[in-house]
Amino acid sequence: MRVEALSRFVQISIEEHNPLLPKFLNYAKKHFQKQYHLSSSILILDDGERFKKDYLINWAYYSSMQSQEQDENNLQSSFTLESILEMSYLPIRIKITSTQSILECVRISFRMIGVESAVLSLDKPNHIAKRYLGALLSNIIISSDLSNIYLDSRNANFWAMIMNIIGNKIIHNVRLEFDYDSFKPNGKKSQPSYMTRKEQNLSEAYRILGCSHSDSFFDIRAKYLELIKKYHPDKVFGQNEEVIKAYNIKFIELKEAFDIIKSSFEIAS
């Protein structure tokens, strides 16, 4: 069992054979009028019953903590009870899972940011993958957000620690798949041998901004302005220090990528 605060709801994932499942379902049926049974989940929508939601979340959270104590990985959850309760105004989803099923497959890639930092990127937010990687890389983590873990590449053991995490594996019914090509020492995916370092940097800049070489400078600039507005540090003013650091790093990365592309257009003109 696990409890997590997602973007649209608080999710309680529980195995179909867990003895607590009937009790959770009875509680939902008894105390919430707006609860809907779907194929493999129960959705609770009552916004006016927050204290009942808090009780259910507390119950599920501490039950999940007891099950985690028996887990061989014994990794601390990245969601605290307080952070989850802050989101209890959202709907609650009780997700019923097959005991032997793999809940998710998370693909992990790597890239350098300048010469002093690097980032591990998850193709989708997943707190199990993040806490597993966080436990192994705690000495070099700068900050993180939902899908990225930012690392200090100046540490003497940096590459040894990075190489140590690589290897497809299953953690808590989540399969981790590593993009091996992105973990090469230069931190970038293989580029054709005929490309110069400058051309490789330009190609990487287009990738960071999510643009194509065929896009006009006007379109690239519009995309850049959209991204820096989204990741501007002022957007997270007053929030957790790690979140602020993550936005700062992303903001700098976007600016460097745009400057590289802008220079290429100026040279061409």
C-alpha atoms as a PDB file:
ATOM      1  CA  MET A   1       0.000   0.000   0.000  1.00  0.00           C
ATOM      2  CA  ARG A   2       1.100   3.574  -0.587  1.00  0.00           C
ATOM      3  CA  VAL A   3      -0.341   7.079  -0.230  1.00  0.00           C
ATOM      4  CA  GLU A   4       0.711   9.968  -2.463  1.00  0.00           C
ATOM      5  CA  ALA A   5      -0.420  13.472  -3.387  1.00  0.00           C
ATOM      6  CA  LEU A   6      -0.757  13.723  -7.164  1.00  0.00           C
ATOM      7  CA  SER A   7      -1.699  16.758  -9.221  1.00  0.00           C
ATOM      8  CA  ARG A   8      -5.437  16.009  -9.442  1.00  0.00           C
ATOM      9  CA  PHE A   9      -6.141  13.804  -6.429  1.00  0.00           C
ATOM     10  CA  VAL A  10      -4.724  12.082  -3.377  1.00  0.00           C
ATOM     11  CA  GLN A  11      -4.181   8.456  -4.300  1.00  0.00           C
ATOM     12  CA  ILE A  12      -4.309   5.459  -1.977  1.00  0.00           C
ATOM     13  CA  SER A  13      -2.957   2.435  -3.846  1.00  0.00           C
ATOM     14  CA  ILE A  14      -3.882  -0.829  -2.150  1.00  0.00           C
ATOM     15  CA  GLU A  15      -3.501  -4.471  -3.235  1.00  0.00           C
ATOM     16  CA  GLU A  16      -6.677  -6.386  -3.987  1.00  0.00           C
ATOM     17  CA  HIS A  17      -5.884  -8.996  -1.299  1.00  0.00           C
ATOM     18  CA  ASN A  18      -4.989  -6.489   1.412  1.00  0.00           C
ATOM     19  CA  PRO A  19      -7.238  -7.148   4.455  1.00  0.00           C
ATOM     20  CA  LEU A  20      -7.726  -3.391   4.885  1.00  0.00           C
ATOM     21  CA  LEU A  21      -9.361  -2.987   1.467  1.00  0.00           C
ATOM     22  CA  PRO A  22     -12.905  -4.022   2.563  1.00  0.00           C
ATOM     23  CA  LYS A  23     -12.624  -1.681   5.555  1.00  0.00           C
ATOM     24  CA  PHE A  24     -11.597   1.247   3.346  1.00  0.00           C
ATOM     25  CA  LEU A  25     -14.441   0.544   0.928  1.00  0.00           C
ATOM     26  CA  ASN A  26     -16.988   0.296   3.756  1.00  0.00           C
ATOM     27  CA  TYR A  27     -15.738   3.580   5.211  1.00  0.00           C
ATOM     28  CA  ALA A  28     -16.044   5.311   1.824  1.00  0.00           C
ATOM     29  CA  LYS A  29     -19.557   3.924   1.275  1.00  0.00           C
ATOM     30  CA  LYS A  30     -20.727   4.892   4.773  1.00  0.00           C
ATOM     31  CA  HIS A  31     -19.267   8.384   5.083  1.00  0.00           C
ATOM     32  CA  PHE A  32     -19.157   9.874   1.561  1.00  0.00           C
ATOM     33  CA  GLN A  33     -22.205  10.495  -0.596  1.00  0.00           C
ATOM     34  CA  LYS A  34     -20.189  11.444  -3.688  1.00  0.00           C
ATOM     35  CA  GLN A  35     -18.149   8.275  -4.083  1.00  0.00           C
ATOM     36  CA  TYR A  36     -18.031   6.475  -7.417  1.00  0.00           C
ATOM     37  CA  HIS A  37     -16.988   2.873  -8.096  1.00  0.00           C
ATOM     38  CA  LEU A  38     -14.947   2.541 -11.273  1.00  0.00           C
ATOM     39  CA  SER A  39     -13.449  -0.639 -12.734  1.00  0.00           C
ATOM     40  CA  SER A  40     -10.451  -0.765 -10.404  1.00  0.00           C
ATOM     41  CA  SER A  41     -10.811   2.282  -8.173  1.00  0.00           C
ATOM     42  CA  ILE A  42     -13.098   4.312  -5.949  1.00  0.00           C
ATOM     43  CA  LEU A  43     -13.273   8.102  -6.453  1.00  0.00           C
ATOM     44  CA  ILE A  44     -14.339  10.275  -3.505  1.00  0.00           C
ATOM     45  CA  LEU A  45     -15.353  13.810  -4.502  1.00  0.00           C
ATOM     46  CA  ASP A  46     -16.882  15.352  -1.358  1.00  0.00           C
ATOM     47  CA  ASP A  47     -15.233  18.768  -0.895  1.00  0.00           C
ATOM     48  CA  GLY A  48     -17.311  19.519   2.187  1.00  0.00           C
ATOM     49  CA  GLU A  49     -16.188  16.428   4.095  1.00  0.00           C
ATOM     50  CA  ARG A  50     -12.534  17.260   4.489  1.00  0.00           C
ATOM     51  CA  PHE A  51     -12.217  16.080   8.110  1.00  0.00           C
ATOM     52  CA  LYS A  52     -13.463  12.640   6.998  1.00  0.00           C
ATOM     53  CA  LYS A  53     -10.947  12.670   4.181  1.00  0.00           C
ATOM     54  CA  ASP A  54      -8.198  13.566   6.651  1.00  0.00           C
ATOM     55  CA  TYR A  55      -9.183  10.605   8.826  1.00  0.00           C
ATOM     56  CA  LEU A  56      -9.046   8.226   5.849  1.00  0.00           C
ATOM     57  CA  ILE A  57      -5.687   9.615   4.714  1.00  0.00           C
ATOM     58  CA  ASN A  58      -4.223   9.300   8.228  1.00  0.00           C
ATOM     59  CA  TRP A  59      -5.458   5.734   8.463  1.00  0.00           C
ATOM     60  CA  ALA A  60      -4.046   4.760   5.079  1.00  0.00           C
ATOM     61  CA  TYR A  61      -0.759   6.614   5.614  1.00  0.00           C
ATOM     62  CA  TYR A  62       0.122   4.919   8.891  1.00  0.00           C
ATOM     63  CA  SER A  63      -0.983   1.543   7.521  1.00  0.00           C
ATOM     64  CA  SER A  64       1.338   2.040   4.554  1.00  0.00           C
ATOM     65  CA  MET A  65       4.183   3.049   6.852  1.00  0.00           C
ATOM     66  CA  GLN A  66       3.812  -0.237   8.728  1.00  0.00           C
ATOM     67  CA  SER A  67       3.992  -2.206   5.487  1.00  0.00           C
ATOM     68  CA  GLN A  68       7.070  -0.233   4.384  1.00  0.00           C
ATOM     69  CA  GLU A  69       8.885  -1.158   7.583  1.00  0.00           C
ATOM     70  CA  GLN A  70       8.797  -4.749   6.361  1.00  0.00           C
ATOM     71  CA  ASP A  71      10.098  -3.815   2.931  1.00  0.00           C
ATOM     72  CA  GLU A  72      13.652  -4.905   2.215  1.00  0.00           C
ATOM     73  CA  ASN A  73      14.569  -1.535   0.712  1.00  0.00           C
ATOM     74  CA  ASN A  74      13.333   0.341   3.801  1.00  0.00           C
ATOM     75  CA  LEU A  75      13.279   3.670   1.959  1.00  0.00           C
ATOM     76  CA  GLN A  76      11.665   6.723   3.466  1.00  0.00           C
ATOM     77  CA  SER A  77       8.614   8.070   1.618  1.00  0.00           C
ATOM     78  CA  SER A  78       9.087  11.361  -0.210  1.00  0.00           C
ATOM     79  CA  PHE A  79       5.539  12.385   0.874  1.00  0.00           C
ATOM     80  CA  THR A  80       5.098  13.408   4.496  1.00  0.00           C
ATOM     81  CA  LEU A  81       1.689  13.097   6.104  1.00  0.00           C
ATOM     82  CA  GLU A  82       1.548  16.880   6.487  1.00  0.00           C
ATOM     83  CA  SER A  83       2.193  17.462   2.769  1.00  0.00           C
ATOM     84  CA  ILE A  84      -0.538  14.992   1.820  1.00  0.00           C
ATOM     85  CA  LEU A  85      -3.079  16.460   4.249  1.00  0.00           C
ATOM     86  CA  GLU A  86      -2.470  19.891   2.731  1.00  0.00           C
ATOM     87  CA  MET A  87      -3.892  18.430  -0.504  1.00  0.00           C
ATOM     88  CA  SER A  88      -6.918  16.716   1.050  1.00  0.00           C
ATOM     89  CA  TYR A  89      -9.243  19.294  -0.517  1.00  0.00           C
ATOM     90  CA  LEU A  90      -8.678  17.325  -3.724  1.00  0.00           C
ATOM     91  CA  PRO A  91     -10.652  14.162  -4.557  1.00  0.00           C
ATOM     92  CA  ILE A  92      -9.364  10.896  -3.092  1.00  0.00           C
ATOM     93  CA  ARG A  93      -8.769   7.954  -5.389  1.00  0.00           C
ATOM     94  CA  ILE A  94      -8.569   4.465  -3.871  1.00  0.00           C
ATOM     95  CA  LYS A  95      -6.701   2.492  -6.533  1.00  0.00           C
ATOM     96  CA  ILE A  96      -7.070  -1.292  -6.285  1.00  0.00           C
ATOM     97  CA  THR A  97      -4.050  -3.089  -7.699  1.00  0.00           C
ATOM     98  CA  SER A  98      -3.220  -6.677  -8.482  1.00  0.00           C
ATOM     99  CA  THR A  99      -0.713  -7.996  -5.957  1.00  0.00           C
ATOM    100  CA  GLN A 100       1.690  -9.203  -8.626  1.00  0.00           C
ATOM    101  CA  SER A 101       1.169  -6.435 -11.148  1.00  0.00           C
ATOM    102  CA  ILE A 102       3.741  -3.833 -12.115  1.00  0.00           C
ATOM    103  CA  LEU A 103       2.043  -0.532 -11.423  1.00  0.00           C
ATOM    104  CA  GLU A 104       4.214   1.674 -13.592  1.00  0.00           C
ATOM    105  CA  CYS A 105       7.253   1.676 -15.804  1.00  0.00           C
ATOM    106  CA  VAL A 106       9.481   4.737 -15.296  1.00  0.00           C
ATOM    107  CA  ARG A 107      12.224   5.553 -17.796  1.00  0.00           C
ATOM    108  CA  ILE A 108      15.209   7.487 -16.432  1.00  0.00           C
ATOM    109  CA  SER A 109      17.642   9.564 -18.479  1.00  0.00           C
ATOM    110  CA  PHE A 110      20.689  11.646 -17.590  1.00  0.00           C
ATOM    111  CA  ARG A 111      22.287  14.839 -18.840  1.00  0.00           C
ATOM    112  CA  MET A 112      24.919  17.316 -17.717  1.00  0.00           C
ATOM    113  CA  ILE A 113      24.064  20.977 -17.079  1.00  0.00           C
ATOM    114  CA  GLY A 114      27.239  22.947 -17.597  1.00  0.00           C
ATOM    115  CA  VAL A 115      30.259  21.579 -15.724  1.00  0.00           C
ATOM    116  CA  GLU A 116      29.029  21.724 -12.132  1.00  0.00           C
ATOM    117  CA  SER A 117      25.642  20.001 -12.171  1.00  0.00           C
ATOM    118  CA  ALA A 118      23.639  17.251 -13.824  1.00  0.00           C
ATOM    119  CA  VAL A 119      20.053  16.051 -13.821  1.00  0.00           C
ATOM    120  CA  LEU A 120      18.280  12.708 -13.731  1.00  0.00           C
ATOM    121  CA  SER A 121      14.941  13.011 -15.539  1.00  0.00           C
ATOM    122  CA  LEU A 122      11.974  10.682 -15.038  1.00  0.00           C
ATOM    123  CA  ASP A 123       9.611  10.381 -17.979  1.00  0.00           C
ATOM    124  CA  LYS A 124       6.718  10.668 -15.498  1.00  0.00           C
ATOM    125  CA  PRO A 125       6.434  11.754 -11.851  1.00  0.00           C
ATOM    126  CA  ASN A 126       6.887   8.783  -9.497  1.00  0.00           C
ATOM    127  CA  HIS A 127       7.751   9.145  -5.815  1.00  0.00           C
ATOM    128  CA  ILE A 128       8.927   5.521  -5.476  1.00  0.00           C
ATOM    129  CA  ALA A 129      11.542   5.975  -8.187  1.00  0.00           C
ATOM    130  CA  LYS A 130      12.556   9.346  -6.696  1.00  0.00           C
ATOM    131  CA  ARG A 131      12.998   8.052  -3.157  1.00  0.00           C
ATOM    132  CA  TYR A 132      14.998   5.038  -4.419  1.00  0.00           C
ATOM    133  CA  LEU A 133      17.360   7.259  -6.399  1.00  0.00           C
ATOM    134  CA  GLY A 134      17.423   9.798  -3.576  1.00  0.00           C
ATOM    135  CA  ALA A 135      18.557   7.158  -1.082  1.00  0.00           C
ATOM    136  CA  LEU A 136      21.444   6.099  -3.326  1.00  0.00           C
ATOM    137  CA  LEU A 137      22.502   9.616  -4.376  1.00  0.00           C
ATOM    138  CA  SER A 138      21.775  11.606  -1.213  1.00  0.00           C
ATOM    139  CA  ASN A 139      25.369  12.913  -0.984  1.00  0.00           C
ATOM    140  CA  ILE A 140      25.246  14.631  -4.378  1.00  0.00           C
ATOM    141  CA  ILE A 141      21.630  15.815  -4.634  1.00  0.00           C
ATOM    142  CA  ILE A 142      21.178  19.580  -4.952  1.00  0.00           C
ATOM    143  CA  SER A 143      17.394  19.703  -5.303  1.00  0.00           C
ATOM    144  CA  SER A 144      14.481  18.047  -7.083  1.00  0.00           C
ATOM    145  CA  ASP A 145      11.049  18.651  -8.542  1.00  0.00           C
ATOM    146  CA  LEU A 146       8.303  16.252  -9.639  1.00  0.00           C
ATOM    147  CA  SER A 147      10.243  14.654 -12.505  1.00  0.00           C
ATOM    148  CA  ASN A 148      13.866  15.747 -12.069  1.00  0.00           C
ATOM    149  CA  ILE A 149      16.676  15.205  -9.573  1.00  0.00           C
ATOM    150  CA  TYR A 150      19.473  17.802  -9.798  1.00  0.00           C
ATOM    151  CA  LEU A 151      22.970  16.626  -8.856  1.00  0.00           C
ATOM    152  CA  ASP A 152      26.313  18.170  -7.919  1.00  0.00           C
ATOM    153  CA  SER A 153      28.811  16.801 -10.466  1.00  0.00           C
ATOM    154  CA  ARG A 154      31.816  18.299  -8.639  1.00  0.00           C
ATOM    155  CA  ASN A 155      31.820  15.502  -6.061  1.00  0.00           C
ATOM    156  CA  ALA A 156      34.876  13.234  -6.398  1.00  0.00           C
ATOM    157  CA  ASN A 157      32.664  10.136  -6.336  1.00  0.00           C
ATOM    158  CA  PHE A 158      30.094  11.529  -8.758  1.00  0.00           C
ATOM    159  CA  TRP A 159      30.623   9.162 -11.701  1.00  0.00           C
ATOM    160  CA  ALA A 160      31.066   6.124  -9.459  1.00  0.00           C
ATOM    161  CA  MET A 161      27.715   6.856  -7.824  1.00  0.00           C
ATOM    162  CA  ILE A 162      26.019   7.439 -11.174  1.00  0.00           C
ATOM    163  CA  MET A 163      27.329   4.174 -12.637  1.00  0.00           C
ATOM    164  CA  ASN A 164      26.235   2.349  -9.486  1.00  0.00           C
ATOM    165  CA  ILE A 165      22.533   3.156  -9.979  1.00  0.00           C
ATOM    166  CA  ILE A 166      22.310   1.997 -13.590  1.00  0.00           C
ATOM    167  CA  GLY A 167      20.503  -1.266 -14.174  1.00  0.00           C
ATOM    168  CA  ASN A 168      16.859  -2.059 -14.911  1.00  0.00           C
ATOM    169  CA  LYS A 169      15.116  -3.217 -11.759  1.00  0.00           C
ATOM    170  CA  ILE A 170      11.769  -3.438  -9.990  1.00  0.00           C
ATOM    171  CA  ILE A 171      11.190  -1.426  -6.804  1.00  0.00           C
ATOM    172  CA  HIS A 172       7.845  -1.621  -5.006  1.00  0.00           C
ATOM    173  CA  ASN A 173       6.157  -2.954  -8.184  1.00  0.00           C
ATOM    174  CA  VAL A 174       7.577  -0.084 -10.232  1.00  0.00           C
ATOM    175  CA  ARG A 175       9.947  -0.996 -13.055  1.00  0.00           C
ATOM    176  CA  LEU A 176      12.866   1.380 -13.517  1.00  0.00           C
ATOM    177  CA  GLU A 177      14.292   1.488 -17.042  1.00  0.00           C
ATOM    178  CA  PHE A 178      17.475   3.469 -17.651  1.00  0.00           C
ATOM    179  CA  ASP A 179      18.252   5.209 -20.921  1.00  0.00           C
ATOM    180  CA  TYR A 180      21.765   3.762 -21.127  1.00  0.00           C
ATOM    181  CA  ASP A 181      22.841   5.944 -24.015  1.00  0.00           C
ATOM    182  CA  SER A 182      22.255   9.116 -22.005  1.00  0.00           C
ATOM    183  CA  PHE A 183      24.560   7.910 -19.197  1.00  0.00           C
ATOM    184  CA  LYS A 184      27.740   8.168 -21.227  1.00  0.00           C
ATOM    185  CA  PRO A 185      30.518  10.202 -19.538  1.00  0.00           C
ATOM    186  CA  ASN A 186      29.842  13.312 -21.594  1.00  0.00           C
ATOM    187  CA  GLY A 187      26.281  13.254 -20.263  1.00  0.00           C
ATOM    188  CA  LYS A 188      24.765  13.388 -23.732  1.00  0.00           C
ATOM    189  CA  LYS A 189      23.281  10.898 -26.095  1.00  0.00           C
ATOM    190  CA  SER A 190      25.396   9.671 -28.937  1.00  0.00           C
ATOM    191  CA  GLN A 191      25.736  12.186 -31.721  1.00  0.00           C
ATOM    192  CA  PRO A 192      26.883  11.403 -35.244  1.00  0.00           C
ATOM    193  CA  SER A 193      30.684  11.369 -35.355  1.00  0.00           C
ATOM    194  CA  TYR A 194      30.738  14.031 -38.042  1.00  0.00           C
ATOM    195  CA  MET A 195      29.179  16.611 -35.711  1.00  0.00           C
ATOM    196  CA  THR A 196      31.490  19.098 -34.032  1.00  0.00           C
ATOM    197  CA  ARG A 197      31.120  19.905 -30.329  1.00  0.00           C
ATOM    198  CA  LYS A 198      29.496  23.200 -31.306  1.00  0.00           C
ATOM    199  CA  GLU A 199      26.951  21.379 -33.458  1.00  0.00           C
ATOM    200  CA  GLN A 200      26.257  18.915 -30.649  1.00  0.00           C
ATOM    201  CA  ASN A 201      25.667  21.788 -28.222  1.00  0.00           C
ATOM    202  CA  LEU A 202      23.276  23.382 -30.692  1.00  0.00           C
ATOM    203  CA  SER A 203      21.387  20.115 -31.114  1.00  0.00           C
ATOM    204  CA  GLU A 204      21.133  19.758 -27.335  1.00  0.00           C
ATOM    205  CA  ALA A 205      19.845  23.346 -27.034  1.00  0.00           C
ATOM    206  CA  TYR A 206      17.025  22.576 -29.483  1.00  0.00           C
ATOM    207  CA  ARG A 207      16.165  19.475 -27.454  1.00  0.00           C
ATOM    208  CA  ILE A 208      16.031  21.412 -24.166  1.00  0.00           C
ATOM    209  CA  LEU A 209      13.603  23.956 -25.639  1.00  0.00           C
ATOM    210  CA  GLY A 210      11.583  21.255 -27.370  1.00  0.00           C
ATOM    211  CA  CYS A 211      12.119  22.864 -30.770  1.00  0.00           C
ATOM    212  CA  SER A 212      13.110  21.627 -34.206  1.00  0.00           C
ATOM    213  CA  HIS A 213      15.965  22.862 -36.425  1.00  0.00           C
ATOM    214  CA  SER A 214      13.320  23.759 -38.998  1.00  0.00           C
ATOM    215  CA  ASP A 215      11.497  26.129 -36.618  1.00  0.00           C
ATOM    216  CA  SER A 216      11.747  29.852 -37.239  1.00  0.00           C
ATOM    217  CA  PHE A 217      13.526  32.076 -34.732  1.00  0.00           C
ATOM    218  CA  PHE A 218      10.158  33.684 -33.947  1.00  0.00           C
ATOM    219  CA  ASP A 219       8.688  30.279 -32.997  1.00  0.00           C
ATOM    220  CA  ILE A 220      11.774  29.349 -30.949  1.00  0.00           C
ATOM    221  CA  ARG A 221      11.684  32.647 -29.084  1.00  0.00           C
ATOM    222  CA  ALA A 222       7.956  32.185 -28.357  1.00  0.00           C
ATOM    223  CA  LYS A 223       8.644  28.705 -26.973  1.00  0.00           C
ATOM    224  CA  TYR A 224      11.535  30.040 -24.872  1.00  0.00           C
ATOM    225  CA  LEU A 225       9.387  32.835 -23.394  1.00  0.00           C
ATOM    226  CA  GLU A 226       6.672  30.308 -22.588  1.00  0.00           C
ATOM    227  CA  LEU A 227       9.145  28.054 -20.741  1.00  0.00           C
ATOM    228  CA  ILE A 228      10.951  30.755 -18.756  1.00  0.00           C
ATOM    229  CA  LYS A 229       7.589  32.094 -17.658  1.00  0.00           C
ATOM    230  CA  LYS A 230       6.654  28.587 -16.492  1.00  0.00           C
ATOM    231  CA  TYR A 231       9.977  27.990 -14.690  1.00  0.00           C
ATOM    232  CA  HIS A 232      10.742  31.503 -13.447  1.00  0.00           C
ATOM    233  CA  PRO A 233      11.945  31.326  -9.807  1.00  0.00           C
ATOM    234  CA  ASP A 234       9.375  33.968  -8.842  1.00  0.00           C
ATOM    235  CA  LYS A 235       6.672  31.349  -9.541  1.00  0.00           C
ATOM    236  CA  VAL A 236       7.781  29.411  -6.464  1.00  0.00           C
ATOM    237  CA  PHE A 237       8.723  32.325  -4.198  1.00  0.00           C
ATOM    238  CA  GLY A 238       8.332  31.329  -0.558  1.00  0.00           C
ATOM    239  CA  GLN A 239       8.101  27.609  -1.287  1.00  0.00           C
ATOM    240  CA  ASN A 240      10.445  24.800  -0.288  1.00  0.00           C
ATOM    241  CA  GLU A 241      14.124  25.681  -0.805  1.00  0.00           C
ATOM    242  CA  GLU A 242      14.694  22.580  -2.945  1.00  0.00           C
ATOM    243  CA  VAL A 243      11.871  23.568  -5.281  1.00  0.00           C
ATOM    244  CA  ILE A 244      13.339  27.066  -5.636  1.00  0.00           C
ATOM    245  CA  LYS A 245      16.789  25.615  -6.469  1.00  0.00           C
ATOM    246  CA  ALA A 246      15.245  23.304  -9.063  1.00  0.00           C
ATOM    247  CA  TYR A 247      13.500  26.227 -10.766  1.00  0.00           C
ATOM    248  CA  ASN A 248      16.703  28.287 -10.711  1.00  0.00           C
ATOM    249  CA  ILE A 249      18.664  25.498 -12.401  1.00  0.00           C
ATOM    250  CA  LYS A 250      15.964  24.942 -15.014  1.00  0.00           C
ATOM    251  CA  PHE A 251      15.702  28.683 -15.662  1.00  0.00           C
ATOM    252  CA  ILE A 252      19.468  28.944 -16.256  1.00  0.00           C
ATOM    253  CA  GLU A 253      19.440  25.860 -18.494  1.00  0.00           C
ATOM    254  CA  LEU A 254      16.677  27.347 -20.668  1.00  0.00           C
ATOM    255  CA  LYS A 255      18.486  30.682 -20.947  1.00  0.00           C
ATOM    256  CA  GLU A 256      21.776  29.026 -21.951  1.00  0.00           C
ATOM    257  CA  ALA A 257      19.982  26.922 -24.574  1.00  0.00           C
ATOM    258  CA  PHE A 258      18.246  29.982 -26.059  1.00  0.00           C
ATOM    259  CA  ASP A 259      21.501  31.958 -26.149  1.00  0.00           C
ATOM    260  CA  ILE A 260      23.182  29.142 -28.113  1.00  0.00           C
ATOM    261  CA  ILE A 261      20.366  29.046 -30.661  1.00  0.00           C
ATOM    262  CA  LYS A 262      20.198  32.840 -30.870  1.00  0.00           C
ATOM    263  CA  SER A 263      23.938  33.000 -31.593  1.00  0.00           C
ATOM    264  CA  SER A 264      23.557  30.452 -34.390  1.00  0.00           C
ATOM    265  CA  PHE A 265      20.889  32.593 -36.062  1.00  0.00           C
ATOM    266  CA  GLU A 266      23.034  35.728 -35.701  1.00  0.00           C
ATOM    267  CA  ILE A 267      26.003  34.000 -37.325  1.00  0.00           C
ATOM    268  CA  ALA A 268      23.829  32.688 -40.148  1.00  0.00           C
ATOM    269  CA  SER A 269      22.457  36.168 -40.854  1.00  0.00           C
END
